[in-house]
Amino acid sequence: MSNIKSISILIISIVLVSACGQSENQQKIKDNKEIKIIKMKEKQITFSEKNHALDNNDNFSPDDKSLCYDTRGTVFNNNLANCKSIEKVDIETGVETVIWNPKSITGENAAPGVAAVSYHPIENKVVFIHGPFLDELEARGYYDIRNRTAVELSADGERNMIKVDMRDIAIDKQTTSGAHRGGTHRHEYSRDGKRIGFTYDDFLNKDYDRTIGYMEVNDNAPEGYTHYFALLVKPALKGKSNPGEIEKAYSDSWVDSLGTMRAFIGKVRAENGIDYENSLFVAEIHDSVDITTAFSGNGTEYPKPPKGINIRRLTHDKNADGIVRGSFDGKRIAYLSLDTNGIKQVFVIPVDGSDLDENINKRPKQITFFDSDASSLRWHPSDKWMFSMSRGNIAVTYIGDNNAEKTFFITNDKLTRDQLVVSHSGNRIAYGINLQLEKQEKEWKQIFVMKVDWTKLNNELTKD
């Protein structure tokens, strides 16, 4: 292991040295704008021969000392069905610890499948998707997007698993209240930890596309489970929607810290009744909403959201994209959309805004001007800076003043970075890079971290 680590450090050192000479250069981008490169040091913290997938979740532990990840793509293929373990790595020591590795089977038909892990924002526990245990295969079948639920687990390795949401696919009766009939995925805690948002795929009625929902601890949750399940959006039947109706909801994330707003991308039937638009929406979950008023469905009827959920449409074009991200103060939403040259850029809109608003300050505003598509949006906790990626490099954009956005690249090389996450303090970021080291047969996704020099970045703001 020490030899592998030394080789990897040497490779990264060469990359850093080669880029250092460019740290004061200007990178040309479209419309003759320039992005200054302020190179910062990155550190590889995993080295084992397996994949370490952050998966765009909330991977930093509450104390910012560890990162959780799954190992998808390590065995057989990249399907989550063959992902074998949930793990964490100590950022300072690089020690990797297996949190959960259930008995499993491998192949095209595999189980249980465990993946897409996130840390709780306050407690030392994680949530992730879990397919059927091996003793459930006869009744449930193999892993599938419509055959998975959430589990919580202490991150200290005690393996005290808690079942979060109940799956009930009986067709001869009404679905158990507070349960669902399919699969939940990409579970995300609200910043106060009291609600969990997710995407959802139904098993009993596959004529409906993916949608979104939320769950929370409730005394009326199904016996043996902690949380009550509810949809936020009941989509229209696939291919049968009317103009303005949502057929699919996805790429969702919490906006505010209390979990009362969840933003998402909606696939909407256009006004001509033929085409589709991908637009930004917000689902409002007011304090008065009682989750137990949700209809859990039955053999023929699709579930319905609880009473009082309000859906607002913020954009009306076809190009909204990416996992949307709400600012920490709950006042703005960042998302991706195409600019006039057809390049995906970062846009920001007030949570109460619209692209149709007469007030220009309530409309979306483009804040990046890359020459290649943007990805991996993340807010800094101060809400004054926005992280993103373009061409595998990390950019940070100052948006503290609505009239003066400015972007810097903090890496500048040909490595392909992805799955960017930001620590709770905002002083560290983490991401994945695929690397093939000497004597290894394939590339493995390894985790890197970077301490962001905010003093240097803030000083650059005053130079112009």
Protein backbone atom coordinates (compact mmCIF):
# COMPACT_ATOMS: atom_id res chain seq x y z
CA MET A 1 0.00 0.00 0.00
CA SER A 2 2.82 2.44 0.87
CA ASN A 3 4.35 1.99 -2.61
CA ILE A 4 1.00 2.63 -4.29
CA LYS A 5 0.49 5.73 -2.17
CA SER A 6 3.97 7.04 -3.03
CA ILE A 7 3.41 6.52 -6.76
CA SER A 8 0.04 8.29 -6.58
CA ILE A 9 1.47 11.24 -4.66
CA LEU A 10 4.25 11.52 -7.27
CA ILE A 11 1.71 11.57 -10.12
CA ILE A 12 -0.32 14.29 -8.46
CA SER A 13 2.82 16.27 -7.60
CA ILE A 14 3.83 16.25 -11.27
CA VAL A 15 0.39 17.53 -12.24
CA LEU A 16 0.56 20.28 -9.63
CA VAL A 17 4.04 21.38 -10.69
CA SER A 18 3.09 21.44 -14.37
CA ALA A 19 0.08 23.61 -13.60
CA CYS A 20 1.92 25.94 -11.24
CA GLY A 21 3.50 27.93 -14.02
CA GLN A 22 0.04 28.77 -15.33
CA SER A 23 -1.38 29.96 -12.00
CA GLU A 24 -1.23 33.61 -12.91
CA ASN A 25 -2.45 33.19 -16.48
CA GLN A 26 -5.82 34.15 -17.80
CA GLN A 27 -8.09 31.53 -19.36
CA LYS A 28 -9.96 32.81 -22.39
CA ILE A 29 -13.62 32.00 -22.53
CA LYS A 30 -16.53 32.98 -24.72
CA ASP A 31 -17.42 36.60 -25.48
CA ASN A 32 -13.76 37.51 -24.84
CA LYS A 33 -14.28 37.28 -21.09
CA GLU A 34 -11.43 35.96 -18.99
CA ILE A 35 -11.31 33.77 -15.89
CA LYS A 36 -8.26 34.18 -13.72
CA ILE A 37 -6.59 31.01 -12.45
CA ILE A 38 -5.78 30.98 -8.75
CA LYS A 39 -4.23 27.53 -8.36
CA MET A 40 -4.73 25.77 -5.04
CA LYS A 41 -3.24 22.53 -3.71
CA GLU A 42 -5.27 19.34 -3.69
CA LYS A 43 -4.59 16.18 -1.73
CA GLN A 44 -5.47 12.59 -2.56
CA ILE A 45 -6.88 10.81 0.51
CA THR A 46 -7.94 7.37 -0.83
CA PHE A 47 -5.63 4.89 -2.52
CA SER A 48 -7.25 1.44 -2.31
CA GLU A 49 -8.13 -0.55 -5.44
CA LYS A 50 -11.85 0.18 -5.42
CA ASN A 51 -14.14 3.02 -6.46
CA HIS A 52 -14.96 5.73 -3.94
CA ALA A 53 -18.16 7.39 -5.20
CA LEU A 54 -19.36 10.58 -3.53
CA ASP A 55 -22.29 10.71 -5.98
CA ASN A 56 -23.14 14.41 -5.47
CA ASN A 57 -24.58 13.70 -2.02
CA ASP A 58 -23.88 15.27 1.38
CA ASN A 59 -20.72 13.35 2.20
CA PHE A 60 -18.97 15.38 4.90
CA SER A 61 -19.52 14.22 8.48
CA PRO A 62 -21.00 16.82 10.86
CA ASP A 63 -17.51 17.57 12.23
CA ASP A 64 -15.98 17.71 8.71
CA LYS A 65 -13.43 15.03 9.66
CA SER A 66 -14.72 12.19 7.47
CA LEU A 67 -16.30 11.58 4.07
CA CYS A 68 -18.78 8.79 3.32
CA TYR A 69 -18.94 7.06 -0.06
CA ASP A 70 -20.11 3.91 -1.83
CA THR A 71 -18.05 1.48 -3.91
CA ARG A 72 -20.18 1.17 -7.05
CA GLY A 73 -18.38 -0.10 -10.14
CA THR A 74 -15.81 -2.05 -8.15
CA VAL A 75 -17.41 -5.44 -8.83
CA PHE A 76 -18.92 -6.82 -12.07
CA ASN A 77 -20.42 -3.60 -13.51
CA ASN A 78 -21.46 -0.06 -12.60
CA ASN A 79 -25.03 -0.95 -11.64
CA LEU A 80 -25.90 -0.10 -8.05
CA ALA A 81 -27.20 -3.67 -7.69
CA ASN A 82 -23.56 -4.78 -7.55
CA CYS A 83 -22.38 -2.11 -5.12
CA LYS A 84 -21.24 -4.03 -2.05
CA SER A 85 -20.42 -1.56 0.68
CA ILE A 86 -20.95 1.81 2.35
CA GLU A 87 -17.71 3.25 3.72
CA LYS A 88 -16.05 6.33 5.16
CA VAL A 89 -12.54 7.74 5.05
CA ASP A 90 -10.76 9.83 7.66
CA ILE A 91 -9.62 12.97 5.85
CA GLU A 92 -6.42 13.45 7.85
CA THR A 93 -5.20 9.84 8.10
CA GLY A 94 -6.70 8.32 4.95
CA VAL A 95 -7.97 5.34 6.97
CA GLU A 96 -10.92 3.72 5.18
CA THR A 97 -13.63 2.06 7.29
CA VAL A 98 -16.45 -0.17 6.10
CA ILE A 99 -19.73 0.97 7.66
CA TRP A 100 -22.04 -1.58 5.99
CA ASN A 101 -21.39 -4.60 3.75
CA PRO A 102 -24.35 -7.00 3.77
CA LYS A 103 -24.30 -10.51 2.34
CA SER A 104 -24.79 -10.18 -1.40
CA ILE A 105 -24.95 -11.85 -4.77
CA THR A 106 -23.27 -10.58 -7.93
CA GLY A 107 -24.34 -10.53 -11.55
CA GLU A 108 -26.92 -9.13 -13.93
CA ASN A 109 -29.47 -10.11 -11.29
CA ALA A 110 -27.90 -8.93 -8.05
CA ALA A 111 -28.86 -7.95 -4.52
CA PRO A 112 -29.18 -6.23 -2.21
CA GLY A 113 -27.40 -3.20 -3.72
CA VAL A 114 -26.37 -0.44 -1.30
CA ALA A 115 -25.38 3.03 -2.49
CA ALA A 116 -25.92 6.81 -2.61
CA VAL A 117 -24.95 7.57 0.99
CA SER A 118 -25.27 10.91 2.82
CA TYR A 119 -24.27 11.99 6.31
CA HIS A 120 -26.82 13.40 8.73
CA PRO A 121 -26.03 17.13 9.18
CA ILE A 122 -25.97 16.95 12.99
CA GLU A 123 -25.76 13.31 14.15
CA ASN A 124 -23.07 10.73 13.46
CA LYS A 125 -25.19 8.59 11.16
CA VAL A 126 -25.77 8.07 7.45
CA VAL A 127 -28.71 7.32 5.16
CA PHE A 128 -28.49 5.32 1.93
CA ILE A 129 -30.50 3.16 -0.45
CA HIS A 130 -30.84 -0.54 0.26
CA GLY A 131 -32.30 -3.21 -1.97
CA PRO A 132 -33.81 -6.52 -0.87
CA PHE A 133 -31.89 -8.72 1.57
CA LEU A 134 -31.06 -12.18 0.30
CA ASP A 135 -33.75 -13.80 2.45
CA GLU A 136 -36.30 -11.47 0.79
CA LEU A 137 -35.47 -12.38 -2.81
CA GLU A 138 -38.24 -14.93 -3.24
CA ALA A 139 -40.85 -12.36 -2.20
CA ARG A 140 -39.28 -9.13 -3.53
CA GLY A 141 -37.00 -10.09 -6.38
CA TYR A 142 -33.61 -8.58 -7.18
CA TYR A 143 -32.44 -5.00 -6.86
CA ASP A 144 -34.24 -2.52 -9.10
CA ILE A 145 -34.97 1.20 -9.10
CA ARG A 146 -38.52 0.25 -8.06
CA ASN A 147 -37.31 -2.17 -5.40
CA ARG A 148 -35.33 -0.21 -2.82
CA THR A 149 -35.82 1.75 0.39
CA ALA A 150 -33.81 3.92 2.77
CA VAL A 151 -31.91 2.75 5.83
CA GLU A 152 -30.10 4.73 8.49
CA LEU A 153 -26.96 3.48 10.17
CA SER A 154 -24.60 4.79 12.80
CA ALA A 155 -21.31 5.82 11.22
CA ASP A 156 -19.30 4.40 14.13
CA GLY A 157 -19.45 0.87 12.73
CA GLU A 158 -21.90 -0.56 15.26
CA ARG A 159 -24.13 -1.75 12.38
CA ASN A 160 -27.36 -0.88 14.20
CA MET A 161 -29.41 -0.50 11.03
CA ILE A 162 -32.75 1.33 11.17
CA LYS A 163 -35.42 0.83 8.50
CA VAL A 164 -36.69 4.22 7.39
CA ASP A 165 -39.46 3.78 4.81
CA MET A 166 -41.79 0.82 4.33
CA ARG A 167 -42.37 -0.76 0.92
CA ASP A 168 -45.81 -2.33 0.40
CA ILE A 169 -46.78 -3.62 -3.04
CA ALA A 170 -49.91 -5.59 -2.13
CA ILE A 171 -52.60 -5.12 -4.79
CA ASP A 172 -55.53 -6.67 -2.90
CA LYS A 173 -55.80 -3.81 -0.41
CA GLN A 174 -54.99 -0.16 0.14
CA THR A 175 -51.27 0.53 0.53
CA THR A 176 -50.28 0.77 4.18
CA SER A 177 -50.62 4.41 5.24
CA GLY A 178 -47.20 6.07 5.24
CA ALA A 179 -45.65 3.37 3.03
CA HIS A 180 -44.85 3.37 -0.69
CA ARG A 181 -45.12 0.88 -3.53
CA GLY A 182 -41.76 1.11 -5.27
CA GLY A 183 -38.32 2.55 -4.63
CA THR A 184 -36.84 5.66 -3.04
CA HIS A 185 -33.42 7.03 -4.01
CA ARG A 186 -30.86 9.82 -3.37
CA HIS A 187 -32.06 10.48 0.15
CA GLU A 188 -31.14 13.96 1.37
CA TYR A 189 -31.57 15.30 4.90
CA SER A 190 -32.84 18.83 5.33
CA ARG A 191 -30.17 20.95 7.02
CA ASP A 192 -31.94 20.63 10.38
CA GLY A 193 -32.08 16.85 9.88
CA LYS A 194 -35.83 16.58 10.42
CA ARG A 195 -36.94 15.70 6.90
CA ILE A 196 -35.58 13.47 4.14
CA GLY A 197 -36.18 14.30 0.49
CA PHE A 198 -35.88 11.71 -2.28
CA THR A 199 -36.76 10.67 -5.81
CA TYR A 200 -39.37 7.93 -6.25
CA ASP A 201 -40.21 5.26 -8.82
CA ASP A 202 -43.48 3.34 -8.53
CA PHE A 203 -43.67 -0.43 -8.94
CA LEU A 204 -47.43 -0.98 -9.15
CA ASN A 205 -48.06 1.56 -11.90
CA LYS A 206 -45.13 2.02 -14.26
CA ASP A 207 -47.15 4.32 -16.53
CA TYR A 208 -45.97 7.14 -14.24
CA ASP A 209 -42.43 8.49 -14.57
CA ARG A 210 -40.06 9.36 -11.73
CA THR A 211 -41.24 11.88 -9.18
CA ILE A 212 -40.15 13.33 -5.82
CA GLY A 213 -41.28 13.14 -2.22
CA TYR A 214 -40.32 13.64 1.40
CA MET A 215 -40.60 11.78 4.68
CA GLU A 216 -40.36 12.61 8.34
CA VAL A 217 -40.46 10.85 11.70
CA ASN A 218 -44.08 10.38 12.71
CA ASP A 219 -45.93 8.40 15.39
CA ASN A 220 -48.22 7.10 12.65
CA ALA A 221 -45.38 5.68 10.56
CA PRO A 222 -45.82 2.00 9.62
CA GLU A 223 -44.89 -0.38 12.42
CA GLY A 224 -41.20 -1.23 12.39
CA TYR A 225 -40.25 1.90 10.41
CA THR A 226 -39.34 5.39 11.56
CA HIS A 227 -40.62 7.68 8.81
CA TYR A 228 -43.92 8.48 7.11
CA PHE A 229 -43.71 8.62 3.31
CA ALA A 230 -45.44 11.17 1.07
CA LEU A 231 -45.17 12.38 -2.50
CA LEU A 232 -44.61 16.06 -3.24
CA VAL A 233 -45.65 15.82 -6.89
CA LYS A 234 -48.18 13.46 -8.46
CA PRO A 235 -47.09 13.42 -12.11
CA ALA A 236 -49.37 13.11 -15.10
CA LEU A 237 -49.40 9.80 -16.94
CA LYS A 238 -46.44 9.43 -19.28
CA GLY A 239 -47.31 10.72 -22.74
CA LYS A 240 -50.80 11.80 -21.72
CA SER A 241 -50.23 15.14 -20.02
CA ASN A 242 -52.00 18.38 -20.88
CA PRO A 243 -50.11 21.63 -21.53
CA GLY A 244 -48.46 22.84 -18.33
CA GLU A 245 -48.70 19.49 -16.52
CA ILE A 246 -45.62 17.81 -15.01
CA GLU A 247 -44.87 14.30 -16.29
CA LYS A 248 -41.60 13.84 -14.41
CA ALA A 249 -39.97 15.46 -11.35
CA TYR A 250 -36.26 14.97 -10.62
CA SER A 251 -32.88 16.61 -9.78
CA ASP A 252 -34.39 17.86 -6.51
CA SER A 253 -32.80 19.39 -3.44
CA TRP A 254 -33.81 21.29 -0.30
CA VAL A 255 -33.87 25.06 -0.55
CA ASP A 256 -34.15 26.24 3.05
CA SER A 257 -32.63 24.81 6.23
CA LEU A 258 -36.00 23.85 7.73
CA GLY A 259 -37.09 21.69 4.82
CA THR A 260 -40.15 23.74 3.91
CA MET A 261 -39.15 24.17 0.24
CA ARG A 262 -37.83 21.60 -2.20
CA ALA A 263 -36.73 22.72 -5.65
CA PHE A 264 -36.73 20.37 -8.63
CA ILE A 265 -36.69 20.09 -12.40
CA GLY A 266 -40.05 19.26 -13.94
CA LYS A 267 -40.60 17.75 -17.39
CA VAL A 268 -43.63 19.75 -18.55
CA ARG A 269 -45.88 19.47 -21.57
CA ALA A 270 -45.43 22.60 -23.69
CA GLU A 271 -48.32 24.86 -24.69
CA ASN A 272 -48.42 23.33 -28.18
CA GLY A 273 -49.45 20.04 -26.58
CA ILE A 274 -46.61 18.18 -28.33
CA ASP A 275 -43.19 19.25 -27.09
CA TYR A 276 -41.75 19.17 -23.58
CA GLU A 277 -39.99 21.77 -21.45
CA ASN A 278 -37.62 21.15 -18.54
CA SER A 279 -38.32 23.90 -16.06
CA LEU A 280 -37.45 24.86 -12.48
CA PHE A 281 -40.11 24.39 -9.80
CA VAL A 282 -40.45 24.72 -6.04
CA ALA A 283 -42.64 22.56 -3.83
CA GLU A 284 -43.72 24.42 -0.70
CA ILE A 285 -44.38 22.39 2.46
CA HIS A 286 -45.85 24.88 4.90
CA ASP A 287 -45.78 24.21 8.64
CA SER A 288 -49.50 23.56 8.54
CA VAL A 289 -49.08 20.55 6.21
CA ASP A 290 -49.97 17.25 7.90
CA ILE A 291 -48.02 14.49 6.18
CA THR A 292 -50.56 11.89 7.30
CA THR A 293 -53.15 13.44 4.96
CA ALA A 294 -51.20 11.95 2.04
CA PHE A 295 -52.91 9.13 0.15
CA SER A 296 -50.61 6.11 -0.06
CA GLY A 297 -52.50 4.53 -2.97
CA ASN A 298 -53.81 1.04 -3.68
CA GLY A 299 -53.69 -1.59 -6.41
CA THR A 300 -55.17 0.73 -9.02
CA GLU A 301 -54.74 4.27 -7.65
CA TYR A 302 -51.45 6.18 -7.61
CA PRO A 303 -50.34 7.91 -4.36
CA LYS A 304 -51.20 11.59 -3.78
CA PRO A 305 -49.35 14.31 -1.83
CA PRO A 306 -50.66 15.54 1.53
CA LYS A 307 -53.11 18.41 1.60
CA GLY A 308 -51.58 21.88 1.41
CA ILE A 309 -48.53 21.24 -0.79
CA ASN A 310 -48.07 24.16 -3.18
CA ILE A 311 -46.12 23.85 -6.45
CA ARG A 312 -44.72 27.00 -8.09
CA ARG A 313 -43.11 27.24 -11.51
CA LEU A 314 -40.09 29.56 -11.73
CA THR A 315 -38.96 29.10 -15.34
CA HIS A 316 -40.82 28.45 -18.58
CA ASP A 317 -38.19 27.37 -21.10
CA LYS A 318 -36.96 23.88 -22.00
CA ASN A 319 -33.41 24.05 -20.72
CA ALA A 320 -33.33 23.84 -16.90
CA ASP A 321 -30.92 21.10 -15.87
CA GLY A 322 -28.63 19.70 -13.19
CA ILE A 323 -29.26 18.94 -9.53
CA VAL A 324 -30.68 22.24 -8.31
CA ARG A 325 -29.23 23.80 -5.15
CA GLY A 326 -30.82 26.16 -2.62
CA SER A 327 -28.79 28.81 -0.83
CA PHE A 328 -28.26 28.40 2.91
CA ASP A 329 -30.49 31.37 3.70
CA GLY A 330 -33.25 29.85 1.57
CA LYS A 331 -33.57 32.93 -0.64
CA ARG A 332 -32.03 31.77 -3.94
CA ILE A 333 -31.83 28.69 -6.13
CA ALA A 334 -28.97 27.77 -8.46
CA TYR A 335 -29.46 25.55 -11.49
CA LEU A 336 -28.03 24.90 -14.94
CA SER A 337 -29.43 26.16 -18.21
CA LEU A 338 -28.19 26.86 -21.73
CA ASP A 339 -26.78 30.25 -22.64
CA THR A 340 -27.20 31.87 -26.06
CA ASN A 341 -24.36 29.70 -27.41
CA GLY A 342 -25.91 26.44 -26.25
CA ILE A 343 -23.47 25.96 -23.35
CA LYS A 344 -24.69 24.92 -19.90
CA GLN A 345 -24.05 27.74 -17.44
CA VAL A 346 -24.91 28.41 -13.80
CA PHE A 347 -28.00 30.54 -13.26
CA VAL A 348 -29.39 31.89 -9.98
CA ILE A 349 -32.98 32.97 -9.30
CA PRO A 350 -34.72 34.30 -6.17
CA VAL A 351 -36.89 31.63 -4.57
CA ASP A 352 -39.93 33.88 -5.12
CA GLY A 353 -38.83 34.82 -8.64
CA SER A 354 -39.88 33.93 -12.17
CA ASP A 355 -38.52 34.38 -15.67
CA LEU A 356 -41.84 36.11 -16.43
CA ASP A 357 -41.60 38.62 -13.58
CA GLU A 358 -41.74 42.30 -14.55
CA ASN A 359 -39.04 43.00 -11.96
CA ILE A 360 -35.69 42.16 -13.57
CA ASN A 361 -34.22 41.37 -10.14
CA LYS A 362 -36.68 38.51 -9.77
CA ARG A 363 -35.63 36.85 -13.02
CA PRO A 364 -32.87 34.23 -13.47
CA LYS A 365 -29.36 35.62 -13.77
CA GLN A 366 -26.45 33.92 -15.52
CA ILE A 367 -23.38 33.93 -13.24
CA THR A 368 -20.86 31.82 -15.19
CA PHE A 369 -19.54 32.29 -18.72
CA PHE A 370 -17.56 29.13 -19.46
CA ASP A 371 -16.59 27.88 -22.91
CA SER A 372 -17.74 24.37 -21.94
CA ASP A 373 -20.67 22.98 -19.95
CA ALA A 374 -20.86 23.67 -16.22
CA SER A 375 -21.71 20.97 -13.67
CA SER A 376 -21.62 20.10 -9.94
CA LEU A 377 -23.24 23.17 -8.41
CA ARG A 378 -22.60 23.83 -4.72
CA TRP A 379 -23.14 26.89 -2.52
CA HIS A 380 -20.60 28.06 0.04
CA PRO A 381 -22.32 28.35 3.46
CA SER A 382 -21.88 32.14 3.36
CA ASP A 383 -24.05 32.27 0.19
CA LYS A 384 -21.46 34.66 -1.28
CA TRP A 385 -19.66 32.06 -3.39
CA MET A 386 -20.77 29.32 -5.76
CA PHE A 387 -18.67 26.28 -6.73
CA SER A 388 -19.02 24.58 -10.11
CA MET A 389 -16.96 22.61 -12.59
CA SER A 390 -16.13 22.97 -16.27
CA ARG A 391 -13.81 20.77 -18.36
CA GLY A 392 -13.00 18.82 -15.20
CA ASN A 393 -11.67 21.90 -13.40
CA ILE A 394 -13.13 23.56 -10.32
CA ALA A 395 -14.41 27.12 -10.47
CA VAL A 396 -15.62 29.40 -7.71
CA THR A 397 -17.83 32.40 -8.46
CA TYR A 398 -18.35 35.39 -6.19
CA ILE A 399 -22.03 36.36 -6.04
CA GLY A 400 -22.10 38.40 -2.83
CA ASP A 401 -22.96 41.51 -4.80
CA ASN A 402 -25.79 40.99 -7.28
CA ASN A 403 -24.16 43.44 -9.66
CA ALA A 404 -20.61 42.09 -9.64
CA GLU A 405 -20.14 38.35 -10.23
CA LYS A 406 -16.58 37.18 -10.69
CA THR A 407 -15.26 33.66 -11.36
CA PHE A 408 -11.87 32.06 -10.65
CA PHE A 409 -10.56 28.62 -11.57
CA ILE A 410 -8.79 26.97 -8.61
CA THR A 411 -7.54 24.00 -10.66
CA ASN A 412 -6.09 24.11 -14.16
CA ASP A 413 -5.13 20.79 -15.76
CA LYS A 414 -6.52 17.92 -17.80
CA LEU A 415 -7.73 15.75 -14.92
CA THR A 416 -11.46 14.98 -14.91
CA ARG A 417 -12.95 15.88 -11.54
CA ASP A 418 -16.55 15.22 -10.57
CA GLN A 419 -18.96 14.75 -7.65
CA LEU A 420 -18.01 17.98 -5.88
CA VAL A 421 -19.06 18.42 -2.24
CA VAL A 422 -18.46 21.26 0.24
CA SER A 423 -17.70 20.92 3.95
CA HIS A 424 -20.01 22.38 6.59
CA SER A 425 -17.43 25.07 7.40
CA GLY A 426 -16.97 25.90 3.73
CA ASN A 427 -13.20 25.72 4.09
CA ARG A 428 -12.76 22.37 2.37
CA ILE A 429 -14.10 20.76 -0.76
CA ALA A 430 -13.93 17.13 -1.87
CA TYR A 431 -14.36 15.45 -5.24
CA GLY A 432 -13.50 12.35 -7.23
CA ILE A 433 -10.83 11.71 -9.89
CA ASN A 434 -10.40 8.49 -11.86
CA LEU A 435 -6.77 7.34 -11.64
CA GLN A 436 -4.86 4.33 -12.90
CA LEU A 437 -1.73 3.71 -10.89
CA GLU A 438 1.22 1.50 -11.74
CA LYS A 439 0.50 -2.27 -11.65
CA GLN A 440 -3.27 -1.65 -11.43
CA GLU A 441 -5.43 -3.16 -14.16
CA LYS A 442 -8.04 -0.39 -14.28
CA GLU A 443 -8.82 3.13 -13.18
CA TRP A 444 -10.35 3.62 -9.76
CA LYS A 445 -12.24 6.66 -8.58
CA GLN A 446 -10.25 8.20 -5.74
CA ILE A 447 -11.26 11.01 -3.38
CA PHE A 448 -9.34 14.29 -3.26
CA VAL A 449 -9.74 17.20 -0.87
CA MET A 450 -8.70 20.84 -1.10
CA LYS A 451 -8.41 23.54 1.54
CA VAL A 452 -9.73 26.68 -0.09
CA ASP A 453 -7.68 29.82 0.52
CA TRP A 454 -10.49 32.32 0.99
CA THR A 455 -8.07 35.10 1.95
CA LYS A 456 -6.39 34.86 -1.44
CA LEU A 457 -9.72 34.80 -3.27
CA ASN A 458 -11.13 37.76 -1.35
CA ASN A 459 -7.95 39.72 -2.00
CA GLU A 460 -8.34 39.07 -5.73
CA LEU A 461 -11.79 40.66 -5.62
CA THR A 462 -10.32 44.00 -4.62
CA LYS A 463 -7.59 44.09 -7.27
CA ASP A 464 -9.88 45.18 -10.08
